[in-house]
Amino acid sequence: MNKIRNILFLTSAISILGFTVFSCSTAKQAETFYHPADFEPSASTCFVWTTDFYEIVPKLAGIISKKDKVTLFVKENADQENIKRILEKYESNIENIDFISLNWIPANAWLRDFGPVYLVSNRGKKELVNFLYFRSRLKFVDQIAEKQKISLTQIPLNSTGGSREVNGKGTVILVESHELLENKPKTKEVIEAELKNALHLQKIIWLKQGIPQDDGQFTGPIFEDIYPNGVNGHVDEFCRFADAETVMISYVSEDEAGSHPILAEAKKRLDENYQILTESTDQDGNKLNVIQVPFAPLLIFEQPTPQAKRKTAAVTSYMNFIVTNSLVILPSYVDVADDSNREAFQAKENEVIRIFQKVFPSKEIIPVPAYDLNRFSGGFHCISINAPLGGAVSEPPSPQ
């Protein structure tokens, strides 16, 4: 009887051990996805091809392609030889530029907002997520998923790339006023749950408001007869992760706040957001390293409307930069300074460059004039996305 009992015990132990080993093996092999950050190594910087906005896309493609890969989404009937001639005018390295031909592309350069959202697994597999913000973009993202042969999931949440800032480890920064407006009547709790599930996030840091210039275009003036020109407060206009533990945020000095009411309002909002960040932790409970970056110059221009011209504040921002494997494309405003403020503009930009050189020591910081694009409600980051490593980026070759 004891012999039978011992055999049964041994069989049970082996079964338990076998199950444990199998379970551990399965856990190790389980595929998990995450939302990569902009500062991580990437396969390519992507743009929708356009020569609008004073040919800013070919200009940026020319700069980036000298060292890193660029992907251009173009219409199927586009004259690619002519596009290459334009790119060569901007000293592009054509060998570093890939073209993805699509039969439909929105008449819209702001790829960050309507473009694909990439997830990458621990096995290097890619998936695409598509939100609702611009409903027509589903057709655009569908084509990319088909071309790159990766799966696509539709999420019933209004969300754009410029409204989210991730650290690649499970933390995202959002702006409360923007998310609640765009997803009305959903609550913060519902938005948080849906976004965490969609992008495999663990922690959401809620900031309060964006910068005044980036308030909605139809919300009324921000001071007297000066109107905003933005999209209700995208986070990438004032706050960005530099690495998984370091976040940069714009700040306005006391002197600047005293020089104009719009800057005073910007200081109020940014100080509140800064306080939130300094008291926040990441997905692992660690405090963030928060670095303040000078606020870009306040630039007012006259914008034509159906009724008349009106004064508008351009959405200027040093934080709306592009980061690639080798470079940081930094918005610059020295080119629009006049004799009265050129020295101040240059001094501020020099300080910003020093901060970026310290934060991104392995990358070349390249200042590029941004004002012409800022007048159309966004910046460099808004018209680009980083395609992550781990799967096809270029259009697959045609079967032989």
Protein backbone atom coordinates (compact mmCIF):
# COMPACT_ATOMS: atom_id res chain seq x y z
CA MET A 1 0.00 0.00 0.00
CA ASN A 2 2.86 2.35 0.85
CA LYS A 3 4.48 1.51 -2.48
CA ILE A 4 1.27 2.46 -4.32
CA ARG A 5 0.99 5.69 -2.29
CA ASN A 6 4.62 6.60 -3.17
CA ILE A 7 4.02 5.95 -6.86
CA LEU A 8 0.93 8.12 -6.83
CA PHE A 9 2.84 10.91 -5.05
CA LEU A 10 5.70 10.69 -7.55
CA THR A 11 3.30 10.78 -10.51
CA SER A 12 1.54 13.81 -9.04
CA ALA A 13 4.83 15.61 -8.42
CA ILE A 14 6.01 14.96 -11.96
CA SER A 15 2.70 16.23 -13.31
CA ILE A 16 2.92 19.42 -11.24
CA LEU A 17 6.56 19.94 -12.22
CA GLY A 18 5.73 19.34 -15.85
CA PHE A 19 2.88 21.83 -15.74
CA THR A 20 5.13 24.39 -14.03
CA VAL A 21 7.86 24.00 -16.63
CA PHE A 22 5.32 24.17 -19.45
CA SER A 23 3.70 27.26 -17.92
CA CYS A 24 7.03 29.06 -17.53
CA SER A 25 7.99 28.17 -21.08
CA THR A 26 4.65 29.43 -22.36
CA ALA A 27 5.02 32.68 -20.38
CA LYS A 28 8.46 33.27 -21.85
CA GLN A 29 7.09 32.77 -25.33
CA ALA A 30 3.97 34.89 -24.85
CA GLU A 31 3.80 37.73 -27.34
CA THR A 32 3.28 41.16 -25.79
CA PHE A 33 2.85 44.49 -27.59
CA TYR A 34 3.78 48.04 -26.63
CA HIS A 35 3.53 51.54 -28.08
CA PRO A 36 7.08 52.69 -29.00
CA ALA A 37 8.25 56.22 -28.22
CA ASP A 38 9.60 58.71 -30.75
CA PHE A 39 13.08 58.70 -29.21
CA GLU A 40 13.53 54.95 -29.72
CA PRO A 41 15.52 53.66 -32.73
CA SER A 42 13.20 53.79 -35.72
CA ALA A 43 13.07 52.34 -39.20
CA SER A 44 12.02 55.57 -40.91
CA THR A 45 10.53 59.04 -40.56
CA CYS A 46 7.30 59.17 -42.57
CA PHE A 47 5.54 62.04 -44.35
CA VAL A 48 2.63 62.47 -46.72
CA TRP A 49 4.12 63.86 -49.92
CA THR A 50 3.18 67.49 -50.53
CA THR A 51 4.87 70.64 -51.75
CA ASP A 52 2.43 72.81 -49.78
CA PHE A 53 3.62 74.84 -46.80
CA TYR A 54 6.57 76.30 -48.70
CA GLU A 55 7.90 72.83 -49.60
CA ILE A 56 8.58 71.98 -45.97
CA VAL A 57 8.21 68.21 -46.59
CA PRO A 58 10.94 68.03 -49.28
CA LYS A 59 13.10 70.32 -47.13
CA LEU A 60 12.81 68.01 -44.11
CA ALA A 61 13.21 64.91 -46.27
CA GLY A 62 16.40 66.41 -47.66
CA ILE A 63 17.83 67.02 -44.19
CA ILE A 64 16.84 63.68 -42.66
CA SER A 65 17.73 61.48 -45.64
CA LYS A 66 21.38 62.52 -45.49
CA LYS A 67 21.72 60.29 -42.43
CA ASP A 68 18.49 58.37 -41.85
CA LYS A 69 15.64 56.70 -43.71
CA VAL A 70 12.56 58.61 -44.92
CA THR A 71 9.26 57.16 -46.13
CA LEU A 72 6.90 59.17 -48.34
CA PHE A 73 3.26 58.21 -48.81
CA VAL A 74 2.36 59.19 -52.40
CA LYS A 75 -0.66 58.77 -54.65
CA GLU A 76 -0.49 55.88 -57.11
CA ASN A 77 -0.67 58.21 -60.10
CA ALA A 78 2.02 60.56 -58.75
CA ASP A 79 4.99 61.34 -60.99
CA GLN A 80 7.70 59.85 -58.80
CA GLU A 81 10.47 60.97 -61.13
CA ASN A 82 9.34 64.58 -60.72
CA ILE A 83 9.12 64.07 -56.94
CA LYS A 84 12.70 62.81 -56.98
CA ARG A 85 13.80 65.89 -58.92
CA ILE A 86 12.22 68.12 -56.25
CA LEU A 87 13.87 66.09 -53.51
CA GLU A 88 17.25 66.34 -55.25
CA LYS A 89 16.83 70.13 -55.28
CA TYR A 90 16.90 69.86 -51.49
CA GLU A 91 20.01 67.63 -51.60
CA SER A 92 18.13 64.50 -50.57
CA ASN A 93 19.83 61.13 -50.55
CA ILE A 94 17.32 59.34 -52.78
CA GLU A 95 18.70 55.94 -51.75
CA ASN A 96 17.47 56.66 -48.22
CA ILE A 97 13.94 57.55 -49.35
CA ASP A 98 11.22 54.92 -49.82
CA PHE A 99 7.89 55.52 -51.55
CA ILE A 100 4.64 53.85 -50.56
CA SER A 101 2.00 54.30 -53.26
CA LEU A 102 -1.63 54.50 -52.13
CA ASN A 103 -4.75 54.90 -54.24
CA TRP A 104 -6.22 57.40 -51.76
CA ILE A 105 -4.51 59.94 -49.53
CA PRO A 106 -6.30 62.70 -47.58
CA ALA A 107 -5.68 66.24 -48.79
CA ASN A 108 -3.98 66.77 -45.47
CA ALA A 109 -0.31 66.90 -44.48
CA TRP A 110 -0.85 66.37 -40.73
CA LEU A 111 0.15 62.71 -40.71
CA ARG A 112 0.73 62.60 -36.95
CA ASP A 113 -3.00 63.00 -36.38
CA PHE A 114 -4.61 60.77 -39.02
CA GLY A 115 -1.77 58.34 -39.73
CA PRO A 116 -1.25 54.82 -38.44
CA VAL A 117 -0.46 54.13 -34.80
CA TYR A 118 2.15 51.38 -34.55
CA LEU A 119 2.42 48.75 -31.84
CA VAL A 120 5.45 46.45 -31.70
CA SER A 121 5.76 43.09 -29.97
CA ASN A 122 8.64 41.53 -28.07
CA ARG A 123 9.06 39.30 -31.13
CA GLY A 124 9.42 42.23 -33.52
CA LYS A 125 5.93 41.91 -34.96
CA LYS A 126 3.94 45.05 -35.82
CA GLU A 127 0.27 45.84 -35.44
CA LEU A 128 -1.66 48.98 -36.37
CA VAL A 129 -4.26 50.78 -34.28
CA ASN A 130 -6.68 53.29 -35.75
CA PHE A 131 -8.71 55.81 -33.77
CA LEU A 132 -11.79 57.78 -34.81
CA TYR A 133 -10.65 61.43 -34.79
CA PHE A 134 -10.79 61.81 -38.58
CA ARG A 135 -13.21 59.11 -39.57
CA SER A 136 -12.18 59.16 -43.26
CA ARG A 137 -8.61 58.21 -42.34
CA LEU A 138 -9.61 54.56 -41.85
CA LYS A 139 -9.37 54.10 -45.61
CA PHE A 140 -5.84 55.55 -45.55
CA VAL A 141 -4.66 53.34 -42.68
CA ASP A 142 -6.37 50.30 -44.22
CA GLN A 143 -4.16 50.65 -47.28
CA ILE A 144 -1.00 50.90 -45.18
CA ALA A 145 -1.94 47.78 -43.23
CA GLU A 146 -2.54 45.94 -46.50
CA LYS A 147 0.69 47.17 -48.11
CA GLN A 148 2.78 46.28 -45.07
CA LYS A 149 0.83 43.07 -44.43
CA ILE A 150 0.12 43.80 -40.76
CA SER A 151 -3.12 43.59 -38.79
CA LEU A 152 -5.27 46.64 -38.01
CA THR A 153 -7.56 47.22 -35.02
CA GLN A 154 -10.21 49.97 -35.00
CA ILE A 155 -10.68 51.74 -31.65
CA PRO A 156 -13.94 53.64 -30.86
CA LEU A 157 -12.12 56.61 -29.30
CA ASN A 158 -11.30 60.05 -30.67
CA SER A 159 -7.53 60.38 -30.41
CA THR A 160 -4.69 61.84 -32.46
CA GLY A 161 -0.94 61.33 -32.38
CA GLY A 162 -0.29 64.92 -31.32
CA SER A 163 -2.52 64.51 -28.28
CA ARG A 164 -0.52 61.58 -26.85
CA GLU A 165 3.08 61.49 -25.61
CA VAL A 166 4.43 58.06 -24.62
CA ASN A 167 7.66 56.94 -22.98
CA GLY A 168 7.72 53.48 -24.59
CA LYS A 169 7.49 51.75 -21.20
CA GLY A 170 3.77 52.03 -20.58
CA THR A 171 3.25 55.68 -19.59
CA VAL A 172 1.38 58.28 -21.64
CA ILE A 173 0.83 62.00 -21.04
CA LEU A 174 -2.57 63.43 -22.03
CA VAL A 175 -4.22 66.86 -21.80
CA GLU A 176 -7.47 66.73 -19.86
CA SER A 177 -9.22 69.67 -21.57
CA HIS A 178 -8.49 68.22 -25.03
CA GLU A 179 -9.51 64.62 -24.32
CA LEU A 180 -12.75 65.50 -22.53
CA LEU A 181 -13.80 67.85 -25.34
CA GLU A 182 -12.97 65.48 -28.20
CA ASN A 183 -14.58 62.47 -26.48
CA LYS A 184 -17.61 64.16 -24.93
CA PRO A 185 -19.59 62.77 -23.06
CA LYS A 186 -17.02 60.12 -22.04
CA THR A 187 -15.40 60.56 -18.65
CA LYS A 188 -11.69 60.56 -17.87
CA GLU A 189 -12.07 57.09 -16.40
CA VAL A 190 -13.66 55.70 -19.57
CA ILE A 191 -11.09 57.40 -21.84
CA GLU A 192 -8.27 56.10 -19.65
CA ALA A 193 -9.57 52.54 -19.71
CA GLU A 194 -10.09 52.50 -23.47
CA LEU A 195 -6.68 54.02 -24.22
CA LYS A 196 -4.83 51.71 -21.84
CA ASN A 197 -6.48 48.71 -23.46
CA ALA A 198 -5.86 49.91 -27.02
CA LEU A 199 -2.18 50.82 -26.61
CA HIS A 200 -1.18 48.39 -23.83
CA LEU A 201 -0.48 51.22 -21.38
CA GLN A 202 -0.09 51.04 -17.62
CA LYS A 203 -0.03 54.68 -16.50
CA ILE A 204 -1.68 57.90 -17.67
CA ILE A 205 -0.50 61.33 -16.50
CA TRP A 206 -3.21 63.95 -16.95
CA LEU A 207 -2.10 67.53 -17.60
CA LYS A 208 -4.72 70.29 -17.51
CA GLN A 209 -4.54 72.56 -20.60
CA GLY A 210 -2.43 73.18 -23.66
CA ILE A 211 -0.84 76.48 -24.65
CA PRO A 212 -3.20 79.37 -25.53
CA GLN A 213 -2.14 79.62 -29.18
CA ASP A 214 -3.19 75.98 -29.61
CA ASP A 215 -6.74 76.54 -28.35
CA GLY A 216 -9.47 75.71 -30.85
CA GLN A 217 -9.80 78.07 -33.80
CA PHE A 218 -13.50 78.65 -33.16
CA THR A 219 -13.39 79.16 -29.39
CA GLY A 220 -13.12 82.93 -29.62
CA PRO A 221 -10.24 85.33 -29.00
CA ILE A 222 -7.59 84.52 -26.38
CA PHE A 223 -6.93 88.23 -25.81
CA GLU A 224 -8.82 91.22 -27.19
CA ASP A 225 -8.98 90.63 -30.97
CA ILE A 226 -6.24 87.96 -31.17
CA TYR A 227 -7.49 84.44 -31.95
CA PRO A 228 -5.90 81.04 -31.37
CA ASN A 229 -5.09 78.80 -34.31
CA GLY A 230 -4.86 75.30 -32.92
CA VAL A 231 -6.65 72.05 -32.16
CA ASN A 232 -7.69 72.42 -28.53
CA GLY A 233 -4.42 71.68 -26.81
CA HIS A 234 -2.18 68.95 -28.22
CA VAL A 235 0.50 67.85 -25.77
CA ASP A 236 3.26 67.81 -28.42
CA GLU A 237 3.11 71.61 -28.57
CA PHE A 238 4.56 71.95 -25.07
CA CYS A 239 5.57 68.62 -23.50
CA ARG A 240 7.65 65.69 -24.83
CA PHE A 241 9.50 62.67 -23.52
CA ALA A 242 13.24 62.74 -24.25
CA ASP A 243 13.76 59.25 -22.86
CA ALA A 244 11.74 56.86 -20.72
CA GLU A 245 12.46 58.81 -17.51
CA THR A 246 12.94 62.37 -18.84
CA VAL A 247 10.20 64.74 -19.93
CA MET A 248 10.66 68.26 -21.30
CA ILE A 249 8.09 71.00 -20.84
CA SER A 250 7.94 74.59 -22.05
CA TYR A 251 8.13 77.39 -19.52
CA VAL A 252 7.48 81.14 -19.59
CA SER A 253 9.65 83.48 -17.53
CA GLU A 254 8.23 86.19 -15.26
CA ASP A 255 9.55 88.88 -17.62
CA GLU A 256 7.88 87.26 -20.61
CA ALA A 257 4.60 86.84 -18.73
CA GLY A 258 4.65 90.56 -17.95
CA SER A 259 5.19 91.49 -21.59
CA HIS A 260 1.89 90.15 -23.01
CA PRO A 261 -1.39 88.74 -21.60
CA ILE A 262 -1.18 85.67 -23.87
CA LEU A 263 2.22 84.83 -22.40
CA ALA A 264 0.82 85.41 -18.92
CA GLU A 265 -1.93 82.88 -19.64
CA ALA A 266 0.64 80.47 -21.10
CA LYS A 267 2.72 80.75 -17.93
CA LYS A 268 -0.29 80.03 -15.74
CA ARG A 269 -1.14 76.86 -17.68
CA LEU A 270 2.43 75.63 -18.03
CA ASP A 271 3.26 76.19 -14.36
CA GLU A 272 0.25 74.08 -13.39
CA ASN A 273 1.31 71.31 -15.78
CA TYR A 274 4.90 71.48 -14.54
CA GLN A 275 3.71 71.02 -10.98
CA ILE A 276 1.70 67.96 -12.01
CA LEU A 277 4.73 66.42 -13.75
CA THR A 278 7.06 66.99 -10.80
CA GLU A 279 4.58 65.19 -8.55
CA SER A 280 3.94 62.34 -11.01
CA THR A 281 5.57 58.94 -11.34
CA ASP A 282 6.04 56.60 -14.28
CA GLN A 283 4.59 53.11 -14.74
CA ASP A 284 7.06 51.71 -12.18
CA GLY A 285 6.39 54.34 -9.54
CA ASN A 286 9.60 56.29 -10.23
CA LYS A 287 9.72 60.09 -10.28
CA LEU A 288 10.22 61.75 -13.65
CA ASN A 289 13.20 63.92 -14.54
CA VAL A 290 11.44 67.12 -15.62
CA ILE A 291 13.39 69.64 -17.73
CA GLN A 292 12.05 73.09 -18.56
CA VAL A 293 12.65 74.52 -22.03
CA PRO A 294 12.14 78.20 -22.96
CA PHE A 295 8.84 79.10 -24.60
CA ALA A 296 8.97 79.89 -28.32
CA PRO A 297 8.42 83.51 -29.40
CA LEU A 298 4.83 84.76 -29.54
CA LEU A 299 4.17 85.63 -33.19
CA ILE A 300 0.96 87.32 -34.35
CA PHE A 301 -0.12 87.47 -37.99
CA GLU A 302 -3.15 88.56 -39.98
CA GLN A 303 -5.14 85.59 -41.22
CA PRO A 304 -7.71 85.99 -44.02
CA THR A 305 -11.27 84.88 -43.16
CA PRO A 306 -14.46 84.95 -45.29
CA GLN A 307 -15.38 88.22 -43.58
CA ALA A 308 -12.02 89.98 -43.17
CA LYS A 309 -8.52 89.54 -41.88
CA ARG A 310 -8.14 88.82 -38.19
CA LYS A 311 -5.19 88.75 -35.85
CA THR A 312 -4.07 85.19 -35.12
CA ALA A 313 -1.41 83.72 -32.85
CA ALA A 314 0.74 81.18 -34.68
CA VAL A 315 1.24 77.87 -32.87
CA THR A 316 4.98 78.37 -32.34
CA SER A 317 6.81 75.79 -30.25
CA TYR A 318 10.32 74.46 -29.70
CA MET A 319 8.75 71.25 -28.43
CA ASN A 320 7.20 70.30 -31.77
CA PHE A 321 10.49 68.76 -32.92
CA ILE A 322 11.26 65.61 -34.90
CA VAL A 323 13.70 63.07 -33.47
CA THR A 324 15.35 60.49 -35.74
CA ASN A 325 18.13 57.97 -35.15
CA SER A 326 20.80 60.60 -35.79
CA LEU A 327 19.10 64.00 -35.64
CA VAL A 328 16.76 66.34 -33.83
CA ILE A 329 14.97 68.72 -36.19
CA LEU A 330 14.42 71.73 -33.93
CA PRO A 331 11.93 74.52 -34.78
CA SER A 332 13.76 77.83 -35.26
CA TYR A 333 12.44 81.42 -35.25
CA VAL A 334 15.54 83.55 -35.74
CA ASP A 335 14.70 83.95 -39.43
CA VAL A 336 11.52 85.92 -38.63
CA ALA A 337 13.12 88.23 -36.07
CA ASP A 338 13.57 91.90 -36.94
CA ASP A 339 16.39 94.18 -35.85
CA SER A 340 14.65 94.99 -32.56
CA ASN A 341 14.41 91.41 -31.32
CA ARG A 342 16.93 89.41 -33.33
CA GLU A 343 19.48 89.30 -30.51
CA ALA A 344 16.86 88.12 -28.00
CA PHE A 345 15.53 85.47 -30.40
CA GLN A 346 19.05 84.17 -31.03
CA ALA A 347 19.96 84.12 -27.33
CA LYS A 348 16.82 82.14 -26.49
CA GLU A 349 17.42 79.69 -29.33
CA ASN A 350 21.03 79.19 -28.26
CA GLU A 351 19.76 78.27 -24.78
CA VAL A 352 17.25 75.82 -26.26
CA ILE A 353 19.97 74.22 -28.41
CA ARG A 354 22.20 73.79 -25.35
CA ILE A 355 19.39 72.03 -23.51
CA PHE A 356 18.71 69.73 -26.46
CA GLN A 357 22.41 68.93 -26.85
CA LYS A 358 22.51 67.87 -23.21
CA VAL A 359 19.29 65.87 -23.43
CA PHE A 360 20.16 64.22 -26.78
CA PRO A 361 24.00 63.96 -26.57
CA SER A 362 24.33 61.42 -29.39
CA LYS A 363 22.24 63.38 -31.92
CA GLU A 364 22.95 66.38 -34.12
CA ILE A 365 20.62 69.30 -33.36
CA ILE A 366 19.53 71.02 -36.59
CA PRO A 367 17.47 74.24 -36.27
CA VAL A 368 15.02 74.64 -39.17
CA PRO A 369 12.69 77.65 -39.70
CA ALA A 370 9.20 76.62 -38.56
CA TYR A 371 7.05 79.76 -38.65
CA ASP A 372 5.60 79.20 -42.14
CA LEU A 373 4.24 75.84 -40.99
CA ASN A 374 3.18 77.08 -37.54
CA ARG A 375 0.80 79.57 -39.16
CA PHE A 376 -1.22 76.57 -40.38
CA SER A 377 -1.86 75.27 -36.83
CA GLY A 378 0.99 72.83 -36.31
CA GLY A 379 4.66 72.02 -36.67
CA PHE A 380 7.29 69.49 -37.74
CA HIS A 381 6.17 66.76 -35.33
CA CYS A 382 2.58 67.18 -36.54
CA ILE A 383 3.40 66.30 -40.15
CA SER A 384 5.54 63.25 -39.39
CA ILE A 385 5.40 59.85 -37.72
CA ASN A 386 8.21 57.50 -36.72
CA ALA A 387 7.83 54.02 -38.16
CA PRO A 388 9.32 51.66 -35.56
CA LEU A 389 11.76 48.84 -36.15
CA GLY A 390 10.37 45.34 -36.43
CA GLY A 391 8.76 44.54 -39.76
CA ALA A 392 8.18 46.08 -43.17
CA VAL A 393 8.32 49.84 -43.56
CA SER A 394 8.84 50.12 -47.29
CA GLU A 395 6.35 48.90 -49.85
CA PRO A 396 6.92 45.15 -50.37
CA PRO A 397 8.44 44.25 -53.76
CA SER A 398 6.04 43.10 -56.44
CA PRO A 399 5.96 39.32 -56.95
CA GLN A 400 8.12 38.19 -59.86
